[in-house]
Amino acid sequence: MLQFDNVVQTVAEDVVNRRHPLYGRWAEDFFGSSSPVVLELGCGKGEYTVGLAKMFPERNFLGVDIKGARMWKGAKYAVDNNISNAGFLRTRIEFISSFFAPGEIDQIWLTFPDPQLKRARKRLTSAAFLNRYREFLRDGGPVHLKTDSLELHNYTLSLLETNKLVVEEATDDLYGRGGTDKILSIRTYYEQQYLEQGKPILYLRFRLDGAREITEPDDE
């Protein structure tokens, strides 16, 4: 990982209560362009980061995860195939606010995150995390959630409804509806496993517009 120019690695001491040196400068200083930056949080092997980068060369895509052994595969693929608009950040998502300035991120993808069935506040769609995302996601920027977990899907819908946030699309059977576009048809390693097990894939697209503090639903 240290040999890859498309990877940034950090330790907690670098970002706890302080801004990372690339804060507000990812497009220009890391990607070398002024194109919009899209995040994939919990990127695993980076299938979405790389897949989207290939589809949209006019944008920059940054995969974020703490597990370097998984991320290595996507980073190496991007290097080997000269995909210069795909990069990776190795850090805990709890520290994500230290990396990005207000409005710096164009979209956020959450692809098959741990549903944290026993710890709602650890979910990447919890109020605590959504409030972090609001700090740097541009106004009108969408958040995408793909999951095999009905519990996480329904929890997120409940939270969005509680906070009167805009839900642009919601389905409890992405591939069963027919006509899935090429963006949503990118399949991660884990997604392929879930499909082979006969599990439906669920999808949400929503917005975090406005400056209101997001709160947990009463039935979390």
C-alpha atoms as a PDB file:
ATOM      1  CA  MET A   1       0.000   0.000   0.000  1.00  0.00           C
ATOM      2  CA  LEU A   2       2.858   2.390   0.791  1.00  0.00           C
ATOM      3  CA  GLN A   3       4.107   1.984  -2.774  1.00  0.00           C
ATOM      4  CA  PHE A   4       0.853   3.227  -4.320  1.00  0.00           C
ATOM      5  CA  ASP A   5       0.561   6.925  -5.184  1.00  0.00           C
ATOM      6  CA  ASN A   6      -3.229   6.556  -5.276  1.00  0.00           C
ATOM      7  CA  VAL A   7      -3.482   5.646  -1.563  1.00  0.00           C
ATOM      8  CA  VAL A   8      -3.430   7.891   1.514  1.00  0.00           C
ATOM      9  CA  GLN A   9      -2.941   6.151   4.863  1.00  0.00           C
ATOM     10  CA  THR A  10      -3.315   7.806   8.256  1.00  0.00           C
ATOM     11  CA  VAL A  11      -3.106   7.023  11.940  1.00  0.00           C
ATOM     12  CA  ALA A  12      -5.521   8.337  14.539  1.00  0.00           C
ATOM     13  CA  GLU A  13      -3.010  10.826  15.946  1.00  0.00           C
ATOM     14  CA  ASP A  14      -2.908  12.596  12.553  1.00  0.00           C
ATOM     15  CA  VAL A  15      -6.612  13.405  12.409  1.00  0.00           C
ATOM     16  CA  VAL A  16      -8.143  13.404  15.905  1.00  0.00           C
ATOM     17  CA  ASN A  17      -9.299  16.975  16.526  1.00  0.00           C
ATOM     18  CA  ARG A  18      -7.223  18.269  13.619  1.00  0.00           C
ATOM     19  CA  ARG A  19      -7.558  18.623   9.863  1.00  0.00           C
ATOM     20  CA  HIS A  20      -5.675  16.392   7.467  1.00  0.00           C
ATOM     21  CA  PRO A  21      -3.277  18.261   5.118  1.00  0.00           C
ATOM     22  CA  LEU A  22      -5.532  17.411   2.130  1.00  0.00           C
ATOM     23  CA  TYR A  23      -8.594  18.982   3.798  1.00  0.00           C
ATOM     24  CA  GLY A  24     -10.279  21.054   1.095  1.00  0.00           C
ATOM     25  CA  ARG A  25      -7.606  20.122  -1.460  1.00  0.00           C
ATOM     26  CA  TRP A  26      -8.423  16.590  -2.616  1.00  0.00           C
ATOM     27  CA  ALA A  27      -9.338  17.434  -6.202  1.00  0.00           C
ATOM     28  CA  GLU A  28      -6.365  19.693  -6.862  1.00  0.00           C
ATOM     29  CA  ASP A  29      -3.603  18.175  -4.718  1.00  0.00           C
ATOM     30  CA  PHE A  30      -4.449  14.457  -4.742  1.00  0.00           C
ATOM     31  CA  PHE A  31      -6.214  13.913  -8.072  1.00  0.00           C
ATOM     32  CA  GLY A  32      -4.561  16.818  -9.893  1.00  0.00           C
ATOM     33  CA  SER A  33      -7.820  18.130 -11.319  1.00  0.00           C
ATOM     34  CA  SER A  34     -10.749  20.353 -10.409  1.00  0.00           C
ATOM     35  CA  SER A  35     -13.348  17.626 -11.062  1.00  0.00           C
ATOM     36  CA  PRO A  36     -15.975  16.773  -8.406  1.00  0.00           C
ATOM     37  CA  VAL A  37     -15.024  14.202  -5.757  1.00  0.00           C
ATOM     38  CA  VAL A  38     -17.324  11.250  -4.993  1.00  0.00           C
ATOM     39  CA  LEU A  39     -16.830   9.131  -1.839  1.00  0.00           C
ATOM     40  CA  GLU A  40     -17.403   5.418  -1.347  1.00  0.00           C
ATOM     41  CA  LEU A  41     -17.447   4.828   2.412  1.00  0.00           C
ATOM     42  CA  GLY A  42     -16.650   1.298   3.552  1.00  0.00           C
ATOM     43  CA  CYS A  43     -15.302   0.538   0.079  1.00  0.00           C
ATOM     44  CA  GLY A  44     -13.924  -2.952   0.806  1.00  0.00           C
ATOM     45  CA  LYS A  45     -12.122  -4.161  -2.322  1.00  0.00           C
ATOM     46  CA  GLY A  46     -13.026  -0.944  -4.134  1.00  0.00           C
ATOM     47  CA  GLU A  47     -15.274  -2.362  -6.833  1.00  0.00           C
ATOM     48  CA  TYR A  48     -17.571   0.664  -6.828  1.00  0.00           C
ATOM     49  CA  THR A  49     -14.769   3.206  -6.596  1.00  0.00           C
ATOM     50  CA  VAL A  50     -12.998   1.690  -9.595  1.00  0.00           C
ATOM     51  CA  GLY A  51     -16.179   0.852 -11.513  1.00  0.00           C
ATOM     52  CA  LEU A  52     -17.547   4.380 -11.247  1.00  0.00           C
ATOM     53  CA  ALA A  53     -14.162   5.891 -12.090  1.00  0.00           C
ATOM     54  CA  LYS A  54     -14.119   3.908 -15.341  1.00  0.00           C
ATOM     55  CA  MET A  55     -17.669   5.019 -16.192  1.00  0.00           C
ATOM     56  CA  PHE A  56     -17.132   8.693 -15.352  1.00  0.00           C
ATOM     57  CA  PRO A  57     -13.604   9.855 -16.202  1.00  0.00           C
ATOM     58  CA  GLU A  58     -14.723  13.456 -15.710  1.00  0.00           C
ATOM     59  CA  ARG A  59     -15.132  12.876 -11.948  1.00  0.00           C
ATOM     60  CA  ASN A  60     -12.839  11.771  -9.127  1.00  0.00           C
ATOM     61  CA  PHE A  61     -13.682   8.794  -6.902  1.00  0.00           C
ATOM     62  CA  LEU A  62     -12.243   8.124  -3.459  1.00  0.00           C
ATOM     63  CA  GLY A  63     -12.803   4.827  -1.621  1.00  0.00           C
ATOM     64  CA  VAL A  64     -12.531   4.899   2.172  1.00  0.00           C
ATOM     65  CA  ASP A  65     -11.982   1.900   4.436  1.00  0.00           C
ATOM     66  CA  ILE A  66      -9.828   0.857   7.384  1.00  0.00           C
ATOM     67  CA  LYS A  67      -8.980  -2.605   6.070  1.00  0.00           C
ATOM     68  CA  GLY A  68      -5.931  -2.234   3.879  1.00  0.00           C
ATOM     69  CA  ALA A  69      -5.782  -5.884   2.780  1.00  0.00           C
ATOM     70  CA  ARG A  70      -9.145  -5.473   1.038  1.00  0.00           C
ATOM     71  CA  MET A  71      -8.463  -1.996  -0.325  1.00  0.00           C
ATOM     72  CA  TRP A  72      -5.166  -3.155  -1.846  1.00  0.00           C
ATOM     73  CA  LYS A  73      -6.999  -5.025  -4.600  1.00  0.00           C
ATOM     74  CA  GLY A  74      -8.832  -1.942  -5.868  1.00  0.00           C
ATOM     75  CA  ALA A  75      -5.791   0.291  -5.514  1.00  0.00           C
ATOM     76  CA  LYS A  76      -3.600  -2.121  -7.475  1.00  0.00           C
ATOM     77  CA  TYR A  77      -6.209  -2.534 -10.194  1.00  0.00           C
ATOM     78  CA  ALA A  78      -6.438   1.243 -10.601  1.00  0.00           C
ATOM     79  CA  VAL A  79      -2.640   1.546 -10.825  1.00  0.00           C
ATOM     80  CA  ASP A  80      -2.260  -1.367 -13.249  1.00  0.00           C
ATOM     81  CA  ASN A  81      -4.993   0.004 -15.517  1.00  0.00           C
ATOM     82  CA  ASN A  82      -4.011   3.688 -15.339  1.00  0.00           C
ATOM     83  CA  ILE A  83      -7.300   4.753 -13.746  1.00  0.00           C
ATOM     84  CA  SER A  84      -6.021   8.076 -12.446  1.00  0.00           C
ATOM     85  CA  ASN A  85      -9.391   9.311 -11.139  1.00  0.00           C
ATOM     86  CA  ALA A  86      -9.711   6.466  -8.591  1.00  0.00           C
ATOM     87  CA  GLY A  87      -8.004   6.845  -5.216  1.00  0.00           C
ATOM     88  CA  PHE A  88      -8.199   5.352  -1.745  1.00  0.00           C
ATOM     89  CA  LEU A  89      -8.061   6.643   1.821  1.00  0.00           C
ATOM     90  CA  ARG A  90      -7.298   4.267   4.664  1.00  0.00           C
ATOM     91  CA  THR A  91      -8.833   5.570   7.870  1.00  0.00           C
ATOM     92  CA  ARG A  92     -11.693   4.980  10.277  1.00  0.00           C
ATOM     93  CA  ILE A  93     -14.898   6.584   9.068  1.00  0.00           C
ATOM     94  CA  GLU A  94     -15.385   7.979  12.580  1.00  0.00           C
ATOM     95  CA  PHE A  95     -12.633  10.479  11.652  1.00  0.00           C
ATOM     96  CA  ILE A  96     -14.111  11.415   8.264  1.00  0.00           C
ATOM     97  CA  SER A  97     -14.864  15.036   9.231  1.00  0.00           C
ATOM     98  CA  SER A  98     -11.135  15.731   9.488  1.00  0.00           C
ATOM     99  CA  PHE A  99     -10.582  15.157   5.767  1.00  0.00           C
ATOM    100  CA  PHE A 100     -13.100  17.227   3.798  1.00  0.00           C
ATOM    101  CA  ALA A 101     -14.152  20.878   3.697  1.00  0.00           C
ATOM    102  CA  PRO A 102     -17.776  22.070   3.410  1.00  0.00           C
ATOM    103  CA  GLY A 103     -19.180  21.288  -0.031  1.00  0.00           C
ATOM    104  CA  GLU A 104     -16.030  19.405  -1.103  1.00  0.00           C
ATOM    105  CA  ILE A 105     -17.825  16.091  -1.737  1.00  0.00           C
ATOM    106  CA  ASP A 106     -20.277  15.714  -4.617  1.00  0.00           C
ATOM    107  CA  GLN A 107     -21.905  12.350  -3.702  1.00  0.00           C
ATOM    108  CA  ILE A 108     -21.573   9.564  -1.141  1.00  0.00           C
ATOM    109  CA  TRP A 109     -21.917   5.827  -1.751  1.00  0.00           C
ATOM    110  CA  LEU A 110     -22.464   3.326   1.071  1.00  0.00           C
ATOM    111  CA  THR A 111     -22.051  -0.130  -0.426  1.00  0.00           C
ATOM    112  CA  PHE A 112     -22.992  -3.051   1.804  1.00  0.00           C
ATOM    113  CA  PRO A 113     -21.880  -1.588   5.136  1.00  0.00           C
ATOM    114  CA  ASP A 114     -22.044  -3.659   8.311  1.00  0.00           C
ATOM    115  CA  PRO A 115     -25.708  -3.311   9.418  1.00  0.00           C
ATOM    116  CA  GLN A 116     -24.619  -3.279  13.085  1.00  0.00           C
ATOM    117  CA  LEU A 117     -27.850  -4.992  14.136  1.00  0.00           C
ATOM    118  CA  LYS A 118     -27.155  -4.596  17.858  1.00  0.00           C
ATOM    119  CA  ARG A 119     -25.606  -1.098  17.761  1.00  0.00           C
ATOM    120  CA  ALA A 120     -27.729   1.378  15.824  1.00  0.00           C
ATOM    121  CA  ARG A 121     -25.418   4.304  16.462  1.00  0.00           C
ATOM    122  CA  LYS A 122     -22.545   2.457  14.762  1.00  0.00           C
ATOM    123  CA  ARG A 123     -24.444   2.202  11.478  1.00  0.00           C
ATOM    124  CA  LEU A 124     -23.082   4.324   8.640  1.00  0.00           C
ATOM    125  CA  THR A 125     -26.591   5.745   8.186  1.00  0.00           C
ATOM    126  CA  SER A 126     -27.046   6.634  11.860  1.00  0.00           C
ATOM    127  CA  ALA A 127     -27.787  10.216  12.845  1.00  0.00           C
ATOM    128  CA  ALA A 128     -24.231  10.611  14.136  1.00  0.00           C
ATOM    129  CA  PHE A 129     -22.711   9.662  10.779  1.00  0.00           C
ATOM    130  CA  LEU A 130     -25.254  11.559   8.661  1.00  0.00           C
ATOM    131  CA  ASN A 131     -24.479  14.697  10.658  1.00  0.00           C
ATOM    132  CA  ARG A 132     -20.801  14.216   9.804  1.00  0.00           C
ATOM    133  CA  TYR A 133     -21.621  13.824   6.113  1.00  0.00           C
ATOM    134  CA  ARG A 134     -23.688  17.037   6.153  1.00  0.00           C
ATOM    135  CA  GLU A 135     -20.512  18.929   7.023  1.00  0.00           C
ATOM    136  CA  PHE A 136     -18.849  18.255   3.661  1.00  0.00           C
ATOM    137  CA  LEU A 137     -21.505  16.997   1.199  1.00  0.00           C
ATOM    138  CA  ARG A 138     -22.579  19.686  -1.256  1.00  0.00           C
ATOM    139  CA  ASP A 139     -26.167  20.955  -1.099  1.00  0.00           C
ATOM    140  CA  GLY A 140     -28.292  18.619  -3.191  1.00  0.00           C
ATOM    141  CA  GLY A 141     -25.604  15.925  -3.238  1.00  0.00           C
ATOM    142  CA  PRO A 142     -27.148  12.452  -3.061  1.00  0.00           C
ATOM    143  CA  VAL A 143     -26.311   9.633  -0.642  1.00  0.00           C
ATOM    144  CA  HIS A 144     -26.657   6.119  -2.071  1.00  0.00           C
ATOM    145  CA  LEU A 145     -27.144   3.007   0.074  1.00  0.00           C
ATOM    146  CA  LYS A 146     -26.942  -0.523  -1.341  1.00  0.00           C
ATOM    147  CA  THR A 147     -27.456  -3.299   1.180  1.00  0.00           C
ATOM    148  CA  ASP A 148     -28.689  -6.852   1.616  1.00  0.00           C
ATOM    149  CA  SER A 149     -29.984  -5.963   5.099  1.00  0.00           C
ATOM    150  CA  LEU A 150     -33.707  -5.272   5.339  1.00  0.00           C
ATOM    151  CA  GLU A 151     -33.134  -4.090   8.917  1.00  0.00           C
ATOM    152  CA  LEU A 152     -30.610  -1.444   7.835  1.00  0.00           C
ATOM    153  CA  HIS A 153     -32.803  -0.399   4.907  1.00  0.00           C
ATOM    154  CA  ASN A 154     -35.911   0.041   7.078  1.00  0.00           C
ATOM    155  CA  TYR A 155     -33.958   1.743   9.866  1.00  0.00           C
ATOM    156  CA  THR A 156     -32.549   4.256   7.391  1.00  0.00           C
ATOM    157  CA  LEU A 157     -35.977   4.928   5.888  1.00  0.00           C
ATOM    158  CA  SER A 158     -37.387   5.515   9.373  1.00  0.00           C
ATOM    159  CA  LEU A 159     -34.584   7.949  10.203  1.00  0.00           C
ATOM    160  CA  LEU A 160     -35.096   9.847   6.949  1.00  0.00           C
ATOM    161  CA  GLU A 161     -38.844  10.091   7.517  1.00  0.00           C
ATOM    162  CA  THR A 162     -38.358  11.202  11.130  1.00  0.00           C
ATOM    163  CA  ASN A 163     -36.099  14.028   9.974  1.00  0.00           C
ATOM    164  CA  LYS A 164     -38.212  14.892   6.904  1.00  0.00           C
ATOM    165  CA  LEU A 165     -35.297  14.313   4.562  1.00  0.00           C
ATOM    166  CA  VAL A 166     -35.862  13.812   0.835  1.00  0.00           C
ATOM    167  CA  VAL A 167     -35.948  10.191  -0.346  1.00  0.00           C
ATOM    168  CA  GLU A 168     -35.409  10.189  -4.106  1.00  0.00           C
ATOM    169  CA  GLU A 169     -35.576   6.432  -4.656  1.00  0.00           C
ATOM    170  CA  ALA A 170     -36.274   3.383  -2.503  1.00  0.00           C
ATOM    171  CA  THR A 171     -36.611  -0.266  -3.465  1.00  0.00           C
ATOM    172  CA  ASP A 172     -36.502  -3.500  -1.509  1.00  0.00           C
ATOM    173  CA  ASP A 173     -35.568  -5.566  -4.601  1.00  0.00           C
ATOM    174  CA  LEU A 174     -33.210  -3.670  -6.880  1.00  0.00           C
ATOM    175  CA  TYR A 175     -32.750  -6.342  -9.535  1.00  0.00           C
ATOM    176  CA  GLY A 176     -36.286  -7.637  -9.285  1.00  0.00           C
ATOM    177  CA  ARG A 177     -37.745  -4.356 -10.489  1.00  0.00           C
ATOM    178  CA  GLY A 178     -36.206  -4.677 -13.964  1.00  0.00           C
ATOM    179  CA  GLY A 179     -34.324  -2.062 -15.957  1.00  0.00           C
ATOM    180  CA  THR A 180     -31.505  -1.464 -13.451  1.00  0.00           C
ATOM    181  CA  ASP A 181     -29.113   1.146 -14.867  1.00  0.00           C
ATOM    182  CA  LYS A 182     -25.413   0.470 -15.344  1.00  0.00           C
ATOM    183  CA  ILE A 183     -24.386   2.427 -12.239  1.00  0.00           C
ATOM    184  CA  LEU A 184     -26.510   0.339  -9.905  1.00  0.00           C
ATOM    185  CA  SER A 185     -25.497  -2.833 -11.714  1.00  0.00           C
ATOM    186  CA  ILE A 186     -21.881  -2.626 -10.490  1.00  0.00           C
ATOM    187  CA  ARG A 187     -21.516  -5.603  -8.166  1.00  0.00           C
ATOM    188  CA  THR A 188     -19.155  -5.841  -5.235  1.00  0.00           C
ATOM    189  CA  TYR A 189     -17.571  -9.080  -4.064  1.00  0.00           C
ATOM    190  CA  TYR A 190     -20.056  -9.335  -1.195  1.00  0.00           C
ATOM    191  CA  GLU A 191     -23.027  -8.363  -3.345  1.00  0.00           C
ATOM    192  CA  GLN A 192     -22.295 -11.231  -5.712  1.00  0.00           C
ATOM    193  CA  GLN A 193     -22.242 -13.613  -2.766  1.00  0.00           C
ATOM    194  CA  TYR A 194     -25.595 -12.328  -1.519  1.00  0.00           C
ATOM    195  CA  LEU A 195     -27.170 -12.717  -4.958  1.00  0.00           C
ATOM    196  CA  GLU A 196     -25.904 -16.290  -5.231  1.00  0.00           C
ATOM    197  CA  GLN A 197     -27.593 -16.957  -1.876  1.00  0.00           C
ATOM    198  CA  GLY A 198     -30.877 -15.637  -3.302  1.00  0.00           C
ATOM    199  CA  LYS A 199     -30.963 -12.490  -1.187  1.00  0.00           C
ATOM    200  CA  PRO A 200     -32.670  -9.403  -2.656  1.00  0.00           C
ATOM    201  CA  ILE A 201     -30.566  -6.232  -2.888  1.00  0.00           C
ATOM    202  CA  LEU A 202     -32.084  -3.082  -1.410  1.00  0.00           C
ATOM    203  CA  TYR A 203     -31.326   0.465  -2.530  1.00  0.00           C
ATOM    204  CA  LEU A 204     -31.944   3.988  -1.233  1.00  0.00           C
ATOM    205  CA  ARG A 205     -31.002   7.376  -2.651  1.00  0.00           C
ATOM    206  CA  PHE A 206     -31.602  10.387  -0.431  1.00  0.00           C
ATOM    207  CA  ARG A 207     -30.442  13.934   0.322  1.00  0.00           C
ATOM    208  CA  LEU A 208     -29.234  15.694   3.470  1.00  0.00           C
ATOM    209  CA  ASP A 209     -30.170  19.241   2.435  1.00  0.00           C
ATOM    210  CA  GLY A 210     -30.478  21.954   5.034  1.00  0.00           C
ATOM    211  CA  ALA A 211     -28.676  22.761   8.267  1.00  0.00           C
ATOM    212  CA  ARG A 212     -30.986  20.862  10.641  1.00  0.00           C
ATOM    213  CA  GLU A 213     -29.397  18.525  13.169  1.00  0.00           C
ATOM    214  CA  ILE A 214     -30.407  14.959  12.314  1.00  0.00           C
ATOM    215  CA  THR A 215     -31.816  12.871  15.174  1.00  0.00           C
ATOM    216  CA  GLU A 216     -32.436   9.152  15.694  1.00  0.00           C
ATOM    217  CA  PRO A 217     -35.934   7.749  15.140  1.00  0.00           C
ATOM    218  CA  ASP A 218     -37.863   6.843  18.287  1.00  0.00           C
ATOM    219  CA  ASP A 219     -38.079   3.196  17.229  1.00  0.00           C
ATOM    220  CA  GLU A 220     -34.330   2.648  16.612  1.00  0.00           C
END
